[in-house]
Amino acid sequence: MLIFIGGVETLRPSIERFVEKAKAEGVDLQVHLKEGKAHDYALIRDIAGSQAVTEANQIIGRFVAGVRDQYLRLTA
């Protein structure tokens, strides 16, 4: 599971509780916290700026490629 958290978003405490519960259940997580950013910063350039969105897109790309590679290993 891939989770982005904006450092100043209203939902941050709820998301962090969700992350802790998921970890306790053994969920494989990647969590990316970006201090000073709002909710959905990873998706909206007008909120976060080009650099933060580009970085998030790269993280998403690596995550999806890793999931794909893991799936292909399991089905080979």
C-alpha atoms as a PDB file:
ATOM      1  CA  MET A   1       0.000   0.000   0.000  1.00  0.00           C
ATOM      2  CA  LEU A   2       1.263   3.458  -0.895  1.00  0.00           C
ATOM      3  CA  ILE A   3       0.209   6.370   1.289  1.00  0.00           C
ATOM      4  CA  PHE A   4       1.047  10.050   0.937  1.00  0.00           C
ATOM      5  CA  ILE A   5       0.508  12.353   3.909  1.00  0.00           C
ATOM      6  CA  GLY A   6       0.591  16.117   3.736  1.00  0.00           C
ATOM      7  CA  GLY A   7       2.246  17.541   6.828  1.00  0.00           C
ATOM      8  CA  VAL A   8      -0.402  20.203   7.388  1.00  0.00           C
ATOM      9  CA  GLU A   9      -3.481  18.332   6.248  1.00  0.00           C
ATOM     10  CA  THR A  10      -6.484  18.098   8.532  1.00  0.00           C
ATOM     11  CA  LEU A  11      -6.682  14.329   8.072  1.00  0.00           C
ATOM     12  CA  ARG A  12      -3.090  13.675   9.157  1.00  0.00           C
ATOM     13  CA  PRO A  13      -3.909  12.250  12.617  1.00  0.00           C
ATOM     14  CA  SER A  14      -6.517   9.898  11.140  1.00  0.00           C
ATOM     15  CA  ILE A  15      -4.160   8.765   8.397  1.00  0.00           C
ATOM     16  CA  GLU A  16      -1.368   8.151  10.888  1.00  0.00           C
ATOM     17  CA  ARG A  17      -3.714   6.028  13.029  1.00  0.00           C
ATOM     18  CA  PHE A  18      -4.706   4.082   9.910  1.00  0.00           C
ATOM     19  CA  VAL A  19      -1.026   3.516   9.076  1.00  0.00           C
ATOM     20  CA  GLU A  20      -0.313   2.192  12.574  1.00  0.00           C
ATOM     21  CA  LYS A  21      -3.280  -0.181  12.444  1.00  0.00           C
ATOM     22  CA  ALA A  22      -2.272  -1.417   8.990  1.00  0.00           C
ATOM     23  CA  LYS A  23       1.306  -2.002  10.146  1.00  0.00           C
ATOM     24  CA  ALA A  24       0.032  -3.907  13.177  1.00  0.00           C
ATOM     25  CA  GLU A  25      -1.939  -6.145  10.794  1.00  0.00           C
ATOM     26  CA  GLY A  26       1.170  -6.812   8.705  1.00  0.00           C
ATOM     27  CA  VAL A  27       0.239  -4.693   5.713  1.00  0.00           C
ATOM     28  CA  ASP A  28       3.232  -3.869   3.505  1.00  0.00           C
ATOM     29  CA  LEU A  29       3.243  -0.057   3.480  1.00  0.00           C
ATOM     30  CA  GLN A  30       5.188   2.741   1.923  1.00  0.00           C
ATOM     31  CA  VAL A  31       4.382   6.019   3.641  1.00  0.00           C
ATOM     32  CA  HIS A  32       5.581   9.377   2.362  1.00  0.00           C
ATOM     33  CA  LEU A  33       5.129  12.410   4.594  1.00  0.00           C
ATOM     34  CA  LYS A  34       5.709  15.820   3.041  1.00  0.00           C
ATOM     35  CA  GLU A  35       5.936  18.492   5.726  1.00  0.00           C
ATOM     36  CA  GLY A  36       4.285  21.795   4.899  1.00  0.00           C
ATOM     37  CA  LYS A  37       2.020  20.286   2.236  1.00  0.00           C
ATOM     38  CA  ALA A  38      -1.763  19.945   2.211  1.00  0.00           C
ATOM     39  CA  HIS A  39      -4.044  17.004   1.491  1.00  0.00           C
ATOM     40  CA  ASP A  40      -3.719  15.700  -2.093  1.00  0.00           C
ATOM     41  CA  TYR A  41      -0.392  17.487  -2.510  1.00  0.00           C
ATOM     42  CA  ALA A  42       0.917  14.549  -4.528  1.00  0.00           C
ATOM     43  CA  LEU A  43      -1.735  15.072  -7.187  1.00  0.00           C
ATOM     44  CA  ILE A  44      -2.290  18.802  -7.593  1.00  0.00           C
ATOM     45  CA  ARG A  45       0.481  21.090  -8.838  1.00  0.00           C
ATOM     46  CA  ASP A  46      -1.447  24.198  -7.812  1.00  0.00           C
ATOM     47  CA  ILE A  47      -1.343  23.011  -4.195  1.00  0.00           C
ATOM     48  CA  ALA A  48       2.138  21.538  -3.956  1.00  0.00           C
ATOM     49  CA  GLY A  49       4.179  22.890  -6.832  1.00  0.00           C
ATOM     50  CA  SER A  50       5.813  21.060  -9.713  1.00  0.00           C
ATOM     51  CA  GLN A  51       8.740  19.607  -7.791  1.00  0.00           C
ATOM     52  CA  ALA A  52       6.591  17.882  -5.149  1.00  0.00           C
ATOM     53  CA  VAL A  53       4.192  16.459  -7.754  1.00  0.00           C
ATOM     54  CA  THR A  54       7.049  15.270  -9.969  1.00  0.00           C
ATOM     55  CA  GLU A  55       8.661  13.577  -6.952  1.00  0.00           C
ATOM     56  CA  ALA A  56       5.325  11.951  -6.039  1.00  0.00           C
ATOM     57  CA  ASN A  57       4.861  10.739  -9.620  1.00  0.00           C
ATOM     58  CA  GLN A  58       8.285   9.121  -9.517  1.00  0.00           C
ATOM     59  CA  ILE A  59       7.418   7.406  -6.223  1.00  0.00           C
ATOM     60  CA  ILE A  60       4.118   6.196  -7.689  1.00  0.00           C
ATOM     61  CA  GLY A  61       5.890   4.887 -10.796  1.00  0.00           C
ATOM     62  CA  ARG A  62       8.444   2.942  -8.741  1.00  0.00           C
ATOM     63  CA  PHE A  63       5.690   1.560  -6.518  1.00  0.00           C
ATOM     64  CA  VAL A  64       3.575   0.367  -9.455  1.00  0.00           C
ATOM     65  CA  ALA A  65       6.613  -1.153 -11.166  1.00  0.00           C
ATOM     66  CA  GLY A  66       7.506  -2.988  -7.952  1.00  0.00           C
ATOM     67  CA  VAL A  67       3.987  -4.368  -7.588  1.00  0.00           C
ATOM     68  CA  ARG A  68       4.032  -5.455 -11.226  1.00  0.00           C
ATOM     69  CA  ASP A  69       7.397  -7.165 -10.820  1.00  0.00           C
ATOM     70  CA  GLN A  70       6.229  -8.944  -7.674  1.00  0.00           C
ATOM     71  CA  TYR A  71       3.092 -10.139  -9.458  1.00  0.00           C
ATOM     72  CA  LEU A  72       5.096 -11.404 -12.419  1.00  0.00           C
ATOM     73  CA  ARG A  73       7.434 -13.343 -10.101  1.00  0.00           C
ATOM     74  CA  LEU A  74       4.471 -14.959  -8.373  1.00  0.00           C
ATOM     75  CA  THR A  75       2.790 -15.963 -11.639  1.00  0.00           C
ATOM     76  CA  ALA A  76       5.898 -17.191 -13.461  1.00  0.00           C
END
